[in-house]
């Protein structure tokens, strides 16, 4: 079925792309640009495994030695590749993110579509949360948020969370208007499939918009800024 297929297949496709990038970089290179590309690829690979692992086994502390997901390491025979344990998967993710944090120091990205050190800190905070390393997660989160400020109450009074240039947004896909238009036989550009704020999106075409029941809507106090997130 499409839903579980996408949830399993997409992260592994990302891992495959990252592995290709990593393999294309000469081992032991001292070229700073190559090292930064390696760091971004490894951060993305760690993120992709992080999206997979919690779906296929219980948590790190509870199930460290239980089978989780296969790791697509260089030189592995992918047709005979048993599931790694939860501990092996999470430690592999942490190894990638440690590399990214260390080697993205001083890197300035061209836009928020790229991974910089703060994003790497944010991703490492997530894996530390999953591993229940609470103090490490808090420390990484503080470093990730340096220079960013949350939205104020006044700022969240209007429907939003759709502008990557907002001061609280750290990392995301840059979706231009050109990427939202219908192309060929596609229902819409893949970049706009899940976007409820464009008439060219798949979700709007199919009518699968974010909704809230009238019962819940009526229970939200008028003084709660989040009531404005829903169109009456």
Protein backbone atom coordinates (compact mmCIF):
# COMPACT_ATOMS: atom_id res chain seq x y z
CA UNK A 1 0.00 0.00 0.00
CA UNK A 2 1.26 3.49 -0.83
CA UNK A 3 1.47 4.91 2.69
CA UNK A 4 3.78 2.32 4.35
CA UNK A 5 5.70 1.97 1.08
CA UNK A 6 6.52 5.67 1.01
CA UNK A 7 7.42 5.71 4.72
CA UNK A 8 9.88 2.85 4.17
CA UNK A 9 11.11 3.52 0.65
CA UNK A 10 11.68 7.29 0.70
CA UNK A 11 14.20 7.38 3.59
CA UNK A 12 16.13 4.49 2.04
CA UNK A 13 16.25 6.33 -1.29
CA UNK A 14 17.67 9.30 0.62
CA UNK A 15 20.25 7.01 2.26
CA UNK A 16 21.21 5.68 -1.16
CA UNK A 17 21.70 9.20 -2.53
CA UNK A 18 23.78 10.18 0.51
CA UNK A 19 25.93 7.05 0.14
CA UNK A 20 26.62 7.97 -3.49
CA UNK A 21 27.71 11.49 -2.49
CA UNK A 22 29.92 10.16 0.32
CA UNK A 23 31.50 7.56 -1.99
CA UNK A 24 32.31 10.25 -4.57
CA UNK A 25 34.46 12.21 -2.09
CA UNK A 26 38.11 11.06 -1.95
CA UNK A 27 38.93 9.33 1.32
CA UNK A 28 41.11 11.46 3.55
CA UNK A 29 40.51 14.65 1.59
CA UNK A 30 41.60 17.91 3.20
CA UNK A 31 39.49 20.04 0.87
CA UNK A 32 37.18 22.01 3.16
CA UNK A 33 34.36 22.19 0.60
CA UNK A 34 34.42 18.42 0.10
CA UNK A 35 34.47 17.84 3.86
CA UNK A 36 31.44 20.13 4.28
CA UNK A 37 29.56 18.25 1.55
CA UNK A 38 30.44 15.00 3.28
CA UNK A 39 29.18 16.42 6.58
CA UNK A 40 25.87 17.49 5.04
CA UNK A 41 25.41 14.11 3.38
CA UNK A 42 26.11 12.32 6.63
CA UNK A 43 23.70 14.57 8.51
CA UNK A 44 21.00 13.80 5.96
CA UNK A 45 21.77 10.08 6.13
CA UNK A 46 21.47 10.16 9.90
CA UNK A 47 18.17 12.04 9.60
CA UNK A 48 16.86 9.46 7.12
CA UNK A 49 17.68 6.53 9.40
CA UNK A 50 16.15 8.49 12.28
CA UNK A 51 12.87 8.64 10.33
CA UNK A 52 12.95 4.85 9.85
CA UNK A 53 14.17 3.35 13.11
CA UNK A 54 11.35 4.35 15.53
CA UNK A 55 8.74 2.90 13.15
CA UNK A 56 10.11 -0.64 13.23
CA UNK A 57 11.10 -1.30 16.83
CA UNK A 58 10.60 -0.04 20.37
CA UNK A 59 12.84 2.62 21.85
CA UNK A 60 16.59 2.56 22.42
CA UNK A 61 16.52 2.01 26.18
CA UNK A 62 13.78 -0.63 26.07
CA UNK A 63 14.90 -2.57 23.01
CA UNK A 64 18.61 -1.88 22.42
CA UNK A 65 19.42 -5.47 21.45
CA UNK A 66 16.30 -6.15 19.41
CA UNK A 67 16.26 -6.15 15.57
CA UNK A 68 15.46 -2.77 14.00
CA UNK A 69 16.17 -1.97 10.33
CA UNK A 70 18.90 -2.94 7.81
CA UNK A 71 21.85 -0.56 7.48
CA UNK A 72 23.00 0.10 3.91
CA UNK A 73 26.73 0.29 4.53
CA UNK A 74 29.32 0.38 1.74
CA UNK A 75 30.22 -3.11 0.56
CA UNK A 76 27.08 -4.71 2.01
CA UNK A 77 25.28 -7.37 -0.01
CA UNK A 78 21.86 -5.73 0.10
CA UNK A 79 20.10 -8.96 -0.91
CA UNK A 80 21.41 -10.68 2.25
CA UNK A 81 21.38 -7.86 4.75
CA UNK A 82 19.72 -8.74 8.08
CA UNK A 83 18.25 -6.13 10.39
CA UNK A 84 20.74 -4.36 12.63
CA UNK A 85 19.91 -4.01 16.31
CA UNK A 86 18.40 -0.82 17.69
CA UNK A 87 21.72 -0.04 19.38
CA UNK A 88 23.67 -0.50 16.15
CA UNK A 89 21.29 1.74 14.19
CA UNK A 90 21.18 4.53 16.75
CA UNK A 91 24.94 4.53 17.26
CA UNK A 92 25.40 4.70 13.47
CA UNK A 93 23.06 7.70 13.33
CA UNK A 94 24.93 9.37 16.20
CA UNK A 95 28.27 8.74 14.47
CA UNK A 96 27.02 10.51 11.33
CA UNK A 97 25.61 13.47 13.27
CA UNK A 98 28.78 13.80 15.39
CA UNK A 99 30.76 14.07 12.17
CA UNK A 100 28.36 16.69 10.82
CA UNK A 101 28.48 18.82 13.97
CA UNK A 102 32.28 18.72 14.06
CA UNK A 103 32.85 19.44 10.37
CA UNK A 104 30.19 22.09 9.73
CA UNK A 105 31.77 24.51 12.19
CA UNK A 106 32.31 27.80 10.38
CA UNK A 107 30.23 26.75 7.35
CA UNK A 108 27.84 29.43 6.03
CA UNK A 109 25.02 28.01 3.93
CA UNK A 110 23.56 29.85 0.91
CA UNK A 111 19.98 29.39 2.18
CA UNK A 112 17.87 27.44 4.66
CA UNK A 113 17.56 24.52 2.26
CA UNK A 114 21.06 23.44 3.32
CA UNK A 115 22.24 21.82 6.54
CA UNK A 116 24.58 23.93 8.66
CA UNK A 117 26.02 23.22 12.09
CA UNK A 118 22.94 24.47 13.95
CA UNK A 119 20.70 22.13 11.98
CA UNK A 120 23.13 19.29 12.72
CA UNK A 121 22.92 20.18 16.43
CA UNK A 122 19.12 20.09 16.14
CA UNK A 123 19.16 16.66 14.52
CA UNK A 124 21.57 15.37 17.15
CA UNK A 125 19.27 16.73 19.84
CA UNK A 126 16.51 14.58 18.34
CA UNK A 127 18.54 11.36 18.36
CA UNK A 128 19.66 12.09 21.93
CA UNK A 129 16.00 12.46 22.89
CA UNK A 130 15.22 9.09 21.30
CA UNK A 131 18.14 7.56 23.20
CA UNK A 132 16.95 9.29 26.41
CA UNK A 133 20.22 11.19 26.74
CA UNK A 134 18.33 14.10 28.26
CA UNK A 135 21.22 16.37 29.22
CA UNK A 136 22.95 15.92 25.86
CA UNK A 137 19.66 16.60 24.05
CA UNK A 138 19.12 19.81 26.01
CA UNK A 139 22.68 21.01 25.37
CA UNK A 140 22.40 20.34 21.62
CA UNK A 141 19.01 22.04 21.45
CA UNK A 142 20.43 25.18 23.08
CA UNK A 143 23.25 25.28 20.51
CA UNK A 144 20.82 24.66 17.65
CA UNK A 145 18.55 27.53 18.70
CA UNK A 146 21.30 30.11 19.16
CA UNK A 147 20.34 33.12 17.05
CA UNK A 148 16.75 31.94 16.50
CA UNK A 149 13.72 33.20 18.42
CA UNK A 150 10.29 31.57 18.70
CA UNK A 151 7.26 33.27 17.22
CA UNK A 152 5.55 35.72 19.54
CA UNK A 153 1.89 35.41 20.50
CA UNK A 154 1.03 38.22 18.11
CA UNK A 155 2.89 36.48 15.29
CA UNK A 156 0.99 33.22 15.73
CA UNK A 157 -2.40 34.90 15.63
CA UNK A 158 -2.50 34.55 11.85
CA UNK A 159 -2.37 31.38 9.78
CA UNK A 160 1.26 30.67 9.07
CA UNK A 161 4.01 28.06 9.39
CA UNK A 162 4.43 28.30 5.62
CA UNK A 163 7.26 30.79 5.17
CA UNK A 164 10.80 29.46 5.46
CA UNK A 165 12.10 33.01 5.82
CA UNK A 166 10.37 33.46 9.19
CA UNK A 167 12.88 34.04 11.98
CA UNK A 168 11.98 30.85 13.85
CA UNK A 169 12.41 28.55 10.83
CA UNK A 170 15.75 26.70 10.81
CA UNK A 171 15.68 24.26 7.88
CA UNK A 172 13.29 23.20 5.16
CA UNK A 173 12.52 22.74 1.48
CA UNK A 174 12.39 25.94 -0.51
CA UNK A 175 9.21 25.75 -2.58
CA UNK A 176 9.02 28.46 -5.22
CA UNK A 177 5.83 29.38 -7.03
CA UNK A 178 7.27 27.71 -10.14
CA UNK A 179 7.57 24.42 -8.25
CA UNK A 180 3.90 24.54 -7.28
CA UNK A 181 2.44 24.50 -10.76
CA UNK A 182 1.00 21.45 -12.47
CA UNK A 183 3.38 19.75 -14.87
CA UNK A 184 2.58 17.29 -17.64
CA UNK A 185 0.43 14.37 -16.57
CA UNK A 186 1.23 14.91 -12.87
CA UNK A 187 -1.57 16.09 -10.61
CA UNK A 188 0.89 18.65 -9.27
CA UNK A 189 4.57 19.18 -8.70
CA UNK A 190 5.84 16.86 -5.92
CA UNK A 191 7.01 19.95 -4.03
CA UNK A 192 3.39 21.05 -3.64
CA UNK A 193 1.70 17.71 -2.98
CA UNK A 194 1.30 18.26 0.73
CA UNK A 195 0.79 22.00 0.64
CA UNK A 196 -2.70 23.10 1.69
CA UNK A 197 -1.96 26.74 0.90
CA UNK A 198 -1.66 26.53 -2.88
CA UNK A 199 -4.43 25.76 -5.35
CA UNK A 200 -1.90 23.71 -7.30
CA UNK A 201 -1.26 21.26 -4.47
CA UNK A 202 -2.34 17.61 -4.42
CA UNK A 203 -3.90 18.01 -0.99
CA UNK A 204 -6.17 20.83 -2.12
CA UNK A 205 -7.09 19.00 -5.31
CA UNK A 206 -8.02 15.90 -3.31
CA UNK A 207 -9.72 17.86 -0.54
CA UNK A 208 -7.47 16.40 2.18
CA UNK A 209 -6.89 19.64 4.04
CA UNK A 210 -6.05 19.98 7.74
CA UNK A 211 -9.39 20.07 9.55
CA UNK A 212 -10.72 20.39 13.06
CA UNK A 213 -14.21 19.46 14.22
CA UNK A 214 -16.72 22.18 15.08
CA UNK A 215 -16.97 20.68 18.57
CA UNK A 216 -13.27 21.27 19.20
CA UNK A 217 -13.26 24.64 17.42
CA UNK A 218 -16.05 25.91 19.68
CA UNK A 219 -14.10 24.81 22.76
CA UNK A 220 -11.02 26.89 21.86
CA UNK A 221 -11.29 30.18 23.79
CA UNK A 222 -11.44 33.34 21.69
CA UNK A 223 -8.39 34.56 23.63
CA UNK A 224 -6.31 31.60 22.41
CA UNK A 225 -4.20 32.70 19.42
CA UNK A 226 -4.41 29.18 17.97
CA UNK A 227 -8.11 29.58 17.26
CA UNK A 228 -7.07 31.74 14.31
CA UNK A 229 -5.27 28.78 12.73
CA UNK A 230 -8.65 27.39 11.67
CA UNK A 231 -10.97 29.01 9.15
CA UNK A 232 -14.48 29.22 10.54
